[in-house]
Amino acid sequence: MKPFDFCPACATRLDWDRGEGGTCPGCGRTWYRNSAPTAGAAIVHEGRALVTQRAIEPHKGRWDVPGGFLSAGEDPIEGLRRELREELGIEVDVTADDCVSLVTHEYGPEGDFVLALGFLARLRSGDPKAADDVAAFLWIEPAELETLEFAWEHDRELVRKALKRAEEDGDGRS
């Protein structure tokens, strides 16, 4: 959340404490800067992982994992499934136990704070088609992981962890 200059409750100018929180001198309410939650997935199928090319800024043209920002109050698993339907037209198997990565980072030119939840997901149905904010997608082998220019290094690490876990779980090559 970006810091705002005026109290949403009474419109008095706020004094921010190092940009982290602010108490309104008018009504006494305290406001905080919070990380925006996202959910992304390394989708593993037959020993390969699906990665997506960004169609929008920031980092347009670089690679990441499919997913996106969660709506207010949205369950992370349901939000992830929604994003994968919007971006690729697919359904996946994923549970809370499949969370393999929790990363905070800055997003975009204004440095918004994000909490990225990363999941291992398995393709259940559908043929992926690039849509929404996805320009293209690739199914990659583990050896190809280092050849791609990722938007965020934590997405590369998510794919690495997911491929390893899928192999350990016997979900590698079929």
C-alpha atoms as a PDB file:
ATOM      1  CA  MET A   1       0.000   0.000   0.000  1.00  0.00           C
ATOM      2  CA  LYS A   2       1.327   3.412  -0.906  1.00  0.00           C
ATOM      3  CA  PRO A   3       1.467   5.932   1.934  1.00  0.00           C
ATOM      4  CA  PHE A   4      -1.202   8.575   1.598  1.00  0.00           C
ATOM      5  CA  ASP A   5      -0.976  12.203   2.689  1.00  0.00           C
ATOM      6  CA  PHE A   6      -4.379  12.598   4.315  1.00  0.00           C
ATOM      7  CA  CYS A   7      -6.332  10.528   6.838  1.00  0.00           C
ATOM      8  CA  PRO A   8      -9.032   8.463   5.081  1.00  0.00           C
ATOM      9  CA  ALA A   9     -11.300   8.957   8.135  1.00  0.00           C
ATOM     10  CA  CYS A  10     -11.151  12.738   8.671  1.00  0.00           C
ATOM     11  CA  ALA A  11      -8.907  14.191   5.905  1.00  0.00           C
ATOM     12  CA  THR A  12      -6.299  15.643   8.301  1.00  0.00           C
ATOM     13  CA  ARG A  13      -2.699  15.656   6.977  1.00  0.00           C
ATOM     14  CA  LEU A  14      -0.787  12.616   8.316  1.00  0.00           C
ATOM     15  CA  ASP A  15       2.714  12.470   9.732  1.00  0.00           C
ATOM     16  CA  TRP A  16       4.322   9.190   8.665  1.00  0.00           C
ATOM     17  CA  ASP A  17       6.858   7.401  10.861  1.00  0.00           C
ATOM     18  CA  ARG A  18       9.613   6.469   8.337  1.00  0.00           C
ATOM     19  CA  GLY A  19       6.873   5.613   5.832  1.00  0.00           C
ATOM     20  CA  GLU A  20       5.745   2.611   7.891  1.00  0.00           C
ATOM     21  CA  GLY A  21       2.863   3.984   9.926  1.00  0.00           C
ATOM     22  CA  GLY A  22       1.119   7.222  10.668  1.00  0.00           C
ATOM     23  CA  THR A  23      -1.115   8.487  13.425  1.00  0.00           C
ATOM     24  CA  CYS A  24      -3.663  11.119  12.561  1.00  0.00           C
ATOM     25  CA  PRO A  25      -3.366  14.229  14.729  1.00  0.00           C
ATOM     26  CA  GLY A  26      -7.044  14.960  14.016  1.00  0.00           C
ATOM     27  CA  CYS A  27      -8.863  11.731  14.965  1.00  0.00           C
ATOM     28  CA  GLY A  28      -6.087   9.637  16.530  1.00  0.00           C
ATOM     29  CA  ARG A  29      -6.442   6.674  14.125  1.00  0.00           C
ATOM     30  CA  THR A  30      -3.258   4.869  13.124  1.00  0.00           C
ATOM     31  CA  TRP A  31      -2.619   3.801   9.531  1.00  0.00           C
ATOM     32  CA  TYR A  32       0.019   1.328   8.336  1.00  0.00           C
ATOM     33  CA  ARG A  33       1.798   0.447   5.117  1.00  0.00           C
ATOM     34  CA  ASN A  34       1.223  -3.234   4.393  1.00  0.00           C
ATOM     35  CA  SER A  35       2.589  -5.576   1.763  1.00  0.00           C
ATOM     36  CA  ALA A  36       0.145  -6.494  -0.997  1.00  0.00           C
ATOM     37  CA  PRO A  37      -0.243 -10.301  -1.193  1.00  0.00           C
ATOM     38  CA  THR A  38       0.324 -12.199  -4.413  1.00  0.00           C
ATOM     39  CA  ALA A  39       0.058 -15.899  -5.252  1.00  0.00           C
ATOM     40  CA  GLY A  40       2.067 -17.530  -8.016  1.00  0.00           C
ATOM     41  CA  ALA A  41       2.631 -21.102  -9.115  1.00  0.00           C
ATOM     42  CA  ALA A  42       5.356 -23.193 -10.595  1.00  0.00           C
ATOM     43  CA  ILE A  43       3.144 -25.583 -12.550  1.00  0.00           C
ATOM     44  CA  VAL A  44       4.914 -28.899 -12.977  1.00  0.00           C
ATOM     45  CA  HIS A  45       3.891 -31.509 -15.550  1.00  0.00           C
ATOM     46  CA  GLU A  46       5.923 -34.450 -16.845  1.00  0.00           C
ATOM     47  CA  GLY A  47       9.166 -33.168 -15.354  1.00  0.00           C
ATOM     48  CA  ARG A  48       8.862 -29.664 -16.812  1.00  0.00           C
ATOM     49  CA  ALA A  49       7.673 -26.383 -15.351  1.00  0.00           C
ATOM     50  CA  LEU A  50       5.516 -23.744 -17.009  1.00  0.00           C
ATOM     51  CA  VAL A  51       6.882 -20.193 -16.962  1.00  0.00           C
ATOM     52  CA  THR A  52       5.244 -17.094 -18.411  1.00  0.00           C
ATOM     53  CA  GLN A  53       6.541 -14.063 -20.248  1.00  0.00           C
ATOM     54  CA  ARG A  54       5.263 -10.761 -18.886  1.00  0.00           C
ATOM     55  CA  ALA A  55       3.097  -8.705 -21.281  1.00  0.00           C
ATOM     56  CA  ILE A  56       3.077  -5.641 -19.017  1.00  0.00           C
ATOM     57  CA  GLU A  57       5.416  -3.546 -16.913  1.00  0.00           C
ATOM     58  CA  PRO A  58       7.183  -3.896 -14.640  1.00  0.00           C
ATOM     59  CA  HIS A  59       9.731  -6.108 -16.381  1.00  0.00           C
ATOM     60  CA  LYS A  60       7.732  -6.534 -19.601  1.00  0.00           C
ATOM     61  CA  GLY A  61       9.264  -9.311 -21.712  1.00  0.00           C
ATOM     62  CA  ARG A  62      10.991 -11.071 -18.824  1.00  0.00           C
ATOM     63  CA  TRP A  63       9.920 -14.415 -17.414  1.00  0.00           C
ATOM     64  CA  ASP A  64       8.078 -15.193 -14.199  1.00  0.00           C
ATOM     65  CA  VAL A  65       5.525 -17.663 -12.875  1.00  0.00           C
ATOM     66  CA  PRO A  66       1.806 -17.285 -13.530  1.00  0.00           C
ATOM     67  CA  GLY A  67      -0.251 -15.711 -10.774  1.00  0.00           C
ATOM     68  CA  GLY A  68      -1.026 -12.272  -9.480  1.00  0.00           C
ATOM     69  CA  PHE A  69      -2.351  -9.997  -6.796  1.00  0.00           C
ATOM     70  CA  LEU A  70      -5.023 -11.276  -4.442  1.00  0.00           C
ATOM     71  CA  SER A  71      -8.242  -9.342  -3.965  1.00  0.00           C
ATOM     72  CA  ALA A  72      -9.061  -8.024  -0.497  1.00  0.00           C
ATOM     73  CA  GLY A  73     -10.109 -10.969   1.694  1.00  0.00           C
ATOM     74  CA  GLU A  74      -9.517 -13.520  -1.076  1.00  0.00           C
ATOM     75  CA  ASP A  75      -8.264 -16.979  -0.103  1.00  0.00           C
ATOM     76  CA  PRO A  76      -4.742 -17.423  -1.566  1.00  0.00           C
ATOM     77  CA  ILE A  77      -5.533 -20.804  -3.165  1.00  0.00           C
ATOM     78  CA  GLU A  78      -8.759 -19.536  -4.741  1.00  0.00           C
ATOM     79  CA  GLY A  79      -6.991 -16.371  -5.897  1.00  0.00           C
ATOM     80  CA  LEU A  80      -4.231 -18.433  -7.473  1.00  0.00           C
ATOM     81  CA  ARG A  81      -6.742 -20.638  -9.277  1.00  0.00           C
ATOM     82  CA  ARG A  82      -8.586 -17.513 -10.511  1.00  0.00           C
ATOM     83  CA  GLU A  83      -5.346 -15.990 -11.830  1.00  0.00           C
ATOM     84  CA  LEU A  84      -4.384 -19.215 -13.646  1.00  0.00           C
ATOM     85  CA  ARG A  85      -7.804 -19.361 -15.330  1.00  0.00           C
ATOM     86  CA  GLU A  86      -7.481 -15.686 -16.375  1.00  0.00           C
ATOM     87  CA  GLU A  87      -3.872 -15.901 -17.582  1.00  0.00           C
ATOM     88  CA  LEU A  88      -3.721 -19.403 -19.086  1.00  0.00           C
ATOM     89  CA  GLY A  89      -7.228 -20.905 -19.133  1.00  0.00           C
ATOM     90  CA  ILE A  90      -6.174 -23.913 -17.055  1.00  0.00           C
ATOM     91  CA  GLU A  91      -7.174 -25.683 -13.865  1.00  0.00           C
ATOM     92  CA  VAL A  92      -4.579 -26.933 -11.391  1.00  0.00           C
ATOM     93  CA  ASP A  93      -4.328 -29.121  -8.329  1.00  0.00           C
ATOM     94  CA  VAL A  94      -2.862 -27.092  -5.460  1.00  0.00           C
ATOM     95  CA  THR A  95      -3.308 -27.006  -1.681  1.00  0.00           C
ATOM     96  CA  ALA A  96      -1.887 -24.948   1.183  1.00  0.00           C
ATOM     97  CA  ASP A  97       0.626 -27.778   1.726  1.00  0.00           C
ATOM     98  CA  ASP A  98       2.050 -26.949  -1.720  1.00  0.00           C
ATOM     99  CA  CYS A  99       3.327 -23.536  -0.577  1.00  0.00           C
ATOM    100  CA  VAL A 100       7.088 -23.747  -1.102  1.00  0.00           C
ATOM    101  CA  SER A 101       8.072 -20.075  -1.024  1.00  0.00           C
ATOM    102  CA  LEU A 102       7.275 -16.916   0.963  1.00  0.00           C
ATOM    103  CA  VAL A 103       9.163 -13.834  -0.227  1.00  0.00           C
ATOM    104  CA  THR A 104       8.805 -10.115   0.387  1.00  0.00           C
ATOM    105  CA  HIS A 105      10.073  -7.779  -2.309  1.00  0.00           C
ATOM    106  CA  GLU A 106       9.584  -4.393  -3.922  1.00  0.00           C
ATOM    107  CA  TYR A 107       7.411  -4.206  -7.019  1.00  0.00           C
ATOM    108  CA  GLY A 108       7.379  -1.615  -9.749  1.00  0.00           C
ATOM    109  CA  PRO A 109       9.000   1.788 -10.109  1.00  0.00           C
ATOM    110  CA  GLU A 110       7.410   3.155  -6.939  1.00  0.00           C
ATOM    111  CA  GLY A 111       8.770   0.313  -4.797  1.00  0.00           C
ATOM    112  CA  ASP A 112       5.448  -1.011  -3.550  1.00  0.00           C
ATOM    113  CA  PHE A 113       5.873  -3.776  -0.997  1.00  0.00           C
ATOM    114  CA  VAL A 114       4.656  -7.255  -1.994  1.00  0.00           C
ATOM    115  CA  LEU A 115       4.383 -10.565  -0.143  1.00  0.00           C
ATOM    116  CA  ALA A 116       4.748 -13.292  -2.777  1.00  0.00           C
ATOM    117  CA  LEU A 117       3.304 -16.703  -1.892  1.00  0.00           C
ATOM    118  CA  GLY A 118       4.786 -19.352  -4.195  1.00  0.00           C
ATOM    119  CA  PHE A 119       3.130 -22.720  -4.784  1.00  0.00           C
ATOM    120  CA  LEU A 120       3.890 -25.977  -6.547  1.00  0.00           C
ATOM    121  CA  ALA A 121       0.847 -26.764  -8.694  1.00  0.00           C
ATOM    122  CA  ARG A 122       0.041 -29.642 -10.992  1.00  0.00           C
ATOM    123  CA  LEU A 123      -1.853 -29.269 -14.256  1.00  0.00           C
ATOM    124  CA  ARG A 124      -5.314 -30.823 -13.877  1.00  0.00           C
ATOM    125  CA  SER A 125      -7.030 -29.764 -17.096  1.00  0.00           C
ATOM    126  CA  GLY A 126      -6.868 -27.423 -20.030  1.00  0.00           C
ATOM    127  CA  ASP A 127      -4.355 -26.509 -22.683  1.00  0.00           C
ATOM    128  CA  PRO A 128      -2.509 -23.330 -21.669  1.00  0.00           C
ATOM    129  CA  LYS A 129      -3.112 -20.269 -23.830  1.00  0.00           C
ATOM    130  CA  ALA A 130      -1.457 -16.913 -23.145  1.00  0.00           C
ATOM    131  CA  ALA A 131      -4.063 -14.320 -22.110  1.00  0.00           C
ATOM    132  CA  ASP A 132      -4.544 -11.350 -19.799  1.00  0.00           C
ATOM    133  CA  ASP A 133      -1.066 -10.067 -18.812  1.00  0.00           C
ATOM    134  CA  VAL A 134       0.831 -13.094 -20.192  1.00  0.00           C
ATOM    135  CA  ALA A 135       2.548 -12.610 -23.571  1.00  0.00           C
ATOM    136  CA  ALA A 136       3.780 -16.205 -23.945  1.00  0.00           C
ATOM    137  CA  PHE A 137       4.595 -19.310 -21.975  1.00  0.00           C
ATOM    138  CA  LEU A 138       7.153 -22.094 -22.072  1.00  0.00           C
ATOM    139  CA  TRP A 139       7.399 -25.558 -20.593  1.00  0.00           C
ATOM    140  CA  ILE A 140      11.022 -25.750 -19.456  1.00  0.00           C
ATOM    141  CA  GLU A 141      13.333 -28.545 -18.366  1.00  0.00           C
ATOM    142  CA  PRO A 142      15.369 -28.014 -15.171  1.00  0.00           C
ATOM    143  CA  ALA A 143      18.516 -27.409 -17.250  1.00  0.00           C
ATOM    144  CA  GLU A 144      16.830 -24.468 -19.050  1.00  0.00           C
ATOM    145  CA  LEU A 145      16.044 -22.598 -15.844  1.00  0.00           C
ATOM    146  CA  GLU A 146      19.312 -20.648 -15.791  1.00  0.00           C
ATOM    147  CA  THR A 147      19.025 -19.539 -19.426  1.00  0.00           C
ATOM    148  CA  LEU A 148      15.960 -17.340 -18.921  1.00  0.00           C
ATOM    149  CA  GLU A 149      15.928 -13.717 -17.797  1.00  0.00           C
ATOM    150  CA  PHE A 150      13.488 -13.715 -14.886  1.00  0.00           C
ATOM    151  CA  ALA A 151      11.716 -10.585 -13.686  1.00  0.00           C
ATOM    152  CA  TRP A 152      12.367 -11.643 -10.089  1.00  0.00           C
ATOM    153  CA  GLU A 153      15.030 -14.044  -8.911  1.00  0.00           C
ATOM    154  CA  HIS A 154      12.650 -15.518  -6.327  1.00  0.00           C
ATOM    155  CA  ASP A 155      10.485 -16.873  -9.181  1.00  0.00           C
ATOM    156  CA  ARG A 156      13.465 -18.772 -10.581  1.00  0.00           C
ATOM    157  CA  GLU A 157      14.054 -20.181  -7.093  1.00  0.00           C
ATOM    158  CA  LEU A 158      10.356 -21.120  -6.800  1.00  0.00           C
ATOM    159  CA  VAL A 159      10.558 -23.091 -10.054  1.00  0.00           C
ATOM    160  CA  ARG A 160      13.763 -24.777  -8.863  1.00  0.00           C
ATOM    161  CA  LYS A 161      12.149 -25.788  -5.528  1.00  0.00           C
ATOM    162  CA  ALA A 162       8.939 -26.956  -7.190  1.00  0.00           C
ATOM    163  CA  LEU A 163      10.754 -29.142  -9.726  1.00  0.00           C
ATOM    164  CA  LYS A 164      12.832 -30.695  -6.950  1.00  0.00           C
ATOM    165  CA  ARG A 165       9.806 -31.315  -4.745  1.00  0.00           C
ATOM    166  CA  ALA A 166       7.802 -32.800  -7.634  1.00  0.00           C
ATOM    167  CA  GLU A 167      10.678 -35.154  -8.393  1.00  0.00           C
ATOM    168  CA  GLU A 168      10.959 -36.169  -4.723  1.00  0.00           C
ATOM    169  CA  ASP A 169       7.196 -36.736  -4.596  1.00  0.00           C
ATOM    170  CA  GLY A 170       7.370 -38.943  -7.700  1.00  0.00           C
ATOM    171  CA  ASP A 171       5.601 -36.345  -9.825  1.00  0.00           C
ATOM    172  CA  GLY A 172       8.567 -35.825 -12.130  1.00  0.00           C
ATOM    173  CA  ARG A 173       8.598 -37.416 -15.535  1.00  0.00           C
ATOM    174  CA  SER A 174       5.731 -39.737 -16.326  1.00  0.00           C
END
